[in-house]
């Protein structure tokens, strides 16, 4: 019985390690694509205008 728990634990740790590695790679990949200042300004204005329309 304890051998199965050990295998289950190693399996869970392996899945967690893979998940963490994939998420880290996606984070590092997406980090280099920062929006420009004009894109940020446009997003901010669109967000503010949407909020005003909803009120």
Protein backbone atom coordinates (compact mmCIF):
# COMPACT_ATOMS: atom_id res chain seq x y z
CA UNK A 1 0.00 0.00 0.00
CA UNK A 2 2.75 2.49 0.85
CA UNK A 3 4.51 1.89 -2.48
CA UNK A 4 1.39 3.07 -4.31
CA UNK A 5 1.32 6.24 -2.25
CA UNK A 6 4.96 6.90 -3.07
CA UNK A 7 4.26 6.44 -6.79
CA UNK A 8 1.24 8.69 -6.52
CA UNK A 9 3.29 11.34 -4.75
CA UNK A 10 6.05 11.22 -7.36
CA UNK A 11 3.45 11.41 -10.11
CA UNK A 12 1.82 14.46 -8.54
CA UNK A 13 5.21 16.14 -8.09
CA UNK A 14 6.10 15.38 -11.70
CA UNK A 15 2.88 16.92 -12.97
CA UNK A 16 3.40 19.96 -10.74
CA UNK A 17 6.97 20.34 -12.02
CA UNK A 18 5.82 20.18 -15.65
CA UNK A 19 3.01 22.66 -15.01
CA UNK A 20 5.38 25.09 -13.29
CA UNK A 21 7.94 24.78 -16.07
CA UNK A 22 5.39 25.38 -18.80
CA UNK A 23 3.88 28.38 -16.99
CA UNK A 24 7.35 29.84 -16.43
CA UNK A 25 8.24 29.48 -20.11
CA UNK A 26 4.97 31.11 -21.16
CA UNK A 27 5.59 33.96 -18.73
CA UNK A 28 9.11 34.57 -20.00
CA UNK A 29 7.95 34.36 -23.61
CA UNK A 30 5.12 36.85 -23.12
CA UNK A 31 7.15 39.25 -21.02
CA UNK A 32 9.12 40.48 -24.05
CA UNK A 33 5.96 41.70 -25.77
CA UNK A 34 5.29 44.78 -23.70
CA UNK A 35 2.80 47.19 -25.28
CA UNK A 36 4.03 50.57 -26.42
CA UNK A 37 3.12 53.77 -24.62
CA UNK A 38 0.55 54.73 -27.25
CA UNK A 39 -1.10 51.29 -26.99
CA UNK A 40 -1.32 51.66 -23.22
CA UNK A 41 -2.86 55.11 -23.58
CA UNK A 42 -5.42 53.78 -26.07
CA UNK A 43 -6.33 50.86 -23.80
CA UNK A 44 -6.76 53.21 -20.84
CA UNK A 45 -9.01 55.56 -22.79
CA UNK A 46 -11.11 52.66 -24.08
CA UNK A 47 -11.49 51.28 -20.57
CA UNK A 48 -12.52 54.66 -19.16
CA UNK A 49 -15.00 55.24 -22.00
CA UNK A 50 -16.55 51.79 -21.49
CA UNK A 51 -17.00 52.48 -17.80
CA UNK A 52 -18.69 55.82 -18.50
CA UNK A 53 -21.10 54.20 -20.96
CA UNK A 54 -22.04 51.50 -18.45
CA UNK A 55 -22.90 53.99 -15.68
